[in-house]
Amino acid sequence: LVSPGRQKPLVPGYQNGLLEIALDLGKRLLPAFNTSTNIPLAWVNLRHGEIPGDTRNTCTAGAGTLILEFTRLSRLTGDPIFE
């Protein structure tokens, strides 16, 4: 884990284990954002994506939190897919 604009790791010896897990989870959550409004679904199957027949209801506060977290994930990984 390297802070933006720095080459030196924040935690010496850290091998990005948590970042790799966050990246995997982020990729699994991406199908929840495939809606007409881009507000994520309330529920998503982490193995298969959208749950057929599930309600389209969602919590806007939860969606806002995910958007902030996904933006940070993009910045940390350099992968713009989450923005």
C-alpha atoms as a PDB file:
ATOM      1  CA  LEU A   1       0.000   0.000   0.000  1.00  0.00           C
ATOM      2  CA  VAL A   2       1.569   3.225  -1.172  1.00  0.00           C
ATOM      3  CA  SER A   3       0.021   6.597  -0.518  1.00  0.00           C
ATOM      4  CA  PRO A   4      -0.717   8.729  -3.595  1.00  0.00           C
ATOM      5  CA  GLY A   5       2.355  10.657  -4.722  1.00  0.00           C
ATOM      6  CA  ARG A   6       4.748   8.496  -2.698  1.00  0.00           C
ATOM      7  CA  GLN A   7       6.954   5.611  -3.700  1.00  0.00           C
ATOM      8  CA  LYS A   8       7.639   4.429  -0.164  1.00  0.00           C
ATOM      9  CA  PRO A   9       5.158   1.898   1.319  1.00  0.00           C
ATOM     10  CA  LEU A  10       3.053   3.135   4.233  1.00  0.00           C
ATOM     11  CA  VAL A  11       3.590  -0.162   6.039  1.00  0.00           C
ATOM     12  CA  PRO A  12       6.982  -1.770   5.410  1.00  0.00           C
ATOM     13  CA  GLY A  13       6.670  -5.397   4.334  1.00  0.00           C
ATOM     14  CA  TYR A  14       2.950  -5.162   3.542  1.00  0.00           C
ATOM     15  CA  GLN A  15       2.116  -7.206   0.439  1.00  0.00           C
ATOM     16  CA  ASN A  16      -1.318  -5.704  -0.436  1.00  0.00           C
ATOM     17  CA  GLY A  17      -3.308  -8.675   0.892  1.00  0.00           C
ATOM     18  CA  LEU A  18      -6.304  -6.602   1.973  1.00  0.00           C
ATOM     19  CA  LEU A  19      -6.233  -4.560  -1.224  1.00  0.00           C
ATOM     20  CA  GLU A  20      -6.360  -7.773  -3.276  1.00  0.00           C
ATOM     21  CA  ILE A  21      -9.394  -8.953  -1.279  1.00  0.00           C
ATOM     22  CA  ALA A  22     -11.075  -5.552  -1.706  1.00  0.00           C
ATOM     23  CA  LEU A  23     -10.425  -5.696  -5.463  1.00  0.00           C
ATOM     24  CA  ASP A  24     -11.970  -9.182  -5.686  1.00  0.00           C
ATOM     25  CA  LEU A  25     -15.031  -8.061  -3.714  1.00  0.00           C
ATOM     26  CA  GLY A  26     -15.354  -4.911  -5.827  1.00  0.00           C
ATOM     27  CA  LYS A  27     -15.407  -6.971  -9.022  1.00  0.00           C
ATOM     28  CA  ARG A  28     -18.066  -9.237  -7.539  1.00  0.00           C
ATOM     29  CA  LEU A  29     -20.221  -6.231  -6.578  1.00  0.00           C
ATOM     30  CA  LEU A  30     -20.026  -4.550 -10.003  1.00  0.00           C
ATOM     31  CA  PRO A  31     -23.122  -6.365 -11.378  1.00  0.00           C
ATOM     32  CA  ALA A  32     -25.220  -4.617  -8.703  1.00  0.00           C
ATOM     33  CA  PHE A  33     -24.568  -1.322 -10.505  1.00  0.00           C
ATOM     34  CA  ASN A  34     -26.003  -2.545 -13.847  1.00  0.00           C
ATOM     35  CA  THR A  35     -29.257  -0.625 -13.402  1.00  0.00           C
ATOM     36  CA  SER A  36     -30.908   2.141 -15.399  1.00  0.00           C
ATOM     37  CA  THR A  37     -29.957   4.691 -12.713  1.00  0.00           C
ATOM     38  CA  ASN A  38     -26.540   3.232 -11.800  1.00  0.00           C
ATOM     39  CA  ILE A  39     -27.744   3.112  -8.188  1.00  0.00           C
ATOM     40  CA  PRO A  40     -26.788  -0.381  -7.015  1.00  0.00           C
ATOM     41  CA  LEU A  41     -29.296  -3.076  -6.209  1.00  0.00           C
ATOM     42  CA  ALA A  42     -29.919  -3.831  -2.550  1.00  0.00           C
ATOM     43  CA  TRP A  43     -28.919  -7.475  -2.992  1.00  0.00           C
ATOM     44  CA  VAL A  44     -26.425  -9.191  -5.270  1.00  0.00           C
ATOM     45  CA  ASN A  45     -25.220 -12.784  -5.435  1.00  0.00           C
ATOM     46  CA  LEU A  46     -21.429 -12.582  -5.131  1.00  0.00           C
ATOM     47  CA  ARG A  47     -20.995 -15.632  -7.346  1.00  0.00           C
ATOM     48  CA  HIS A  48     -23.578 -15.014 -10.102  1.00  0.00           C
ATOM     49  CA  GLY A  49     -24.506 -11.314  -9.978  1.00  0.00           C
ATOM     50  CA  GLU A  50     -28.103 -10.093  -9.880  1.00  0.00           C
ATOM     51  CA  ILE A  51     -30.640 -12.274  -8.107  1.00  0.00           C
ATOM     52  CA  PRO A  52     -33.515 -13.043 -10.546  1.00  0.00           C
ATOM     53  CA  GLY A  53     -36.857 -11.703  -9.337  1.00  0.00           C
ATOM     54  CA  ASP A  54     -35.278  -9.631  -6.556  1.00  0.00           C
ATOM     55  CA  THR A  55     -36.741  -6.289  -5.616  1.00  0.00           C
ATOM     56  CA  ARG A  56     -35.255  -3.181  -7.229  1.00  0.00           C
ATOM     57  CA  ASN A  57     -35.418  -1.276  -3.929  1.00  0.00           C
ATOM     58  CA  THR A  58     -32.199   0.183  -2.609  1.00  0.00           C
ATOM     59  CA  CYS A  59     -30.967   2.470   0.120  1.00  0.00           C
ATOM     60  CA  THR A  60     -29.471   5.695  -1.255  1.00  0.00           C
ATOM     61  CA  ALA A  61     -27.201   6.103   1.786  1.00  0.00           C
ATOM     62  CA  GLY A  62     -25.782   2.623   1.195  1.00  0.00           C
ATOM     63  CA  ALA A  63     -25.353   3.401  -2.481  1.00  0.00           C
ATOM     64  CA  GLY A  64     -23.485   6.605  -1.648  1.00  0.00           C
ATOM     65  CA  THR A  65     -21.129   4.738   0.638  1.00  0.00           C
ATOM     66  CA  LEU A  66     -20.397   2.157  -2.056  1.00  0.00           C
ATOM     67  CA  ILE A  67     -19.684   4.900  -4.587  1.00  0.00           C
ATOM     68  CA  LEU A  68     -17.159   6.504  -2.224  1.00  0.00           C
ATOM     69  CA  GLU A  69     -15.519   3.161  -1.480  1.00  0.00           C
ATOM     70  CA  PHE A  70     -15.393   2.210  -5.160  1.00  0.00           C
ATOM     71  CA  THR A  71     -13.787   5.545  -6.026  1.00  0.00           C
ATOM     72  CA  ARG A  72     -11.072   4.910  -3.438  1.00  0.00           C
ATOM     73  CA  LEU A  73     -10.590   1.374  -4.766  1.00  0.00           C
ATOM     74  CA  SER A  74     -10.066   2.789  -8.272  1.00  0.00           C
ATOM     75  CA  ARG A  75      -7.494   5.245  -6.973  1.00  0.00           C
ATOM     76  CA  LEU A  76      -5.598   2.602  -4.994  1.00  0.00           C
ATOM     77  CA  THR A  77      -5.555   0.022  -7.800  1.00  0.00           C
ATOM     78  CA  GLY A  78      -5.306   2.367 -10.775  1.00  0.00           C
ATOM     79  CA  ASP A  79      -8.310   0.575 -12.340  1.00  0.00           C
ATOM     80  CA  PRO A  80     -10.948   3.120 -13.491  1.00  0.00           C
ATOM     81  CA  ILE A  81     -13.699   0.492 -13.778  1.00  0.00           C
ATOM     82  CA  PHE A  82     -14.981   1.357 -10.292  1.00  0.00           C
ATOM     83  CA  GLU A  83     -15.532   5.062 -11.029  1.00  0.00           C
END
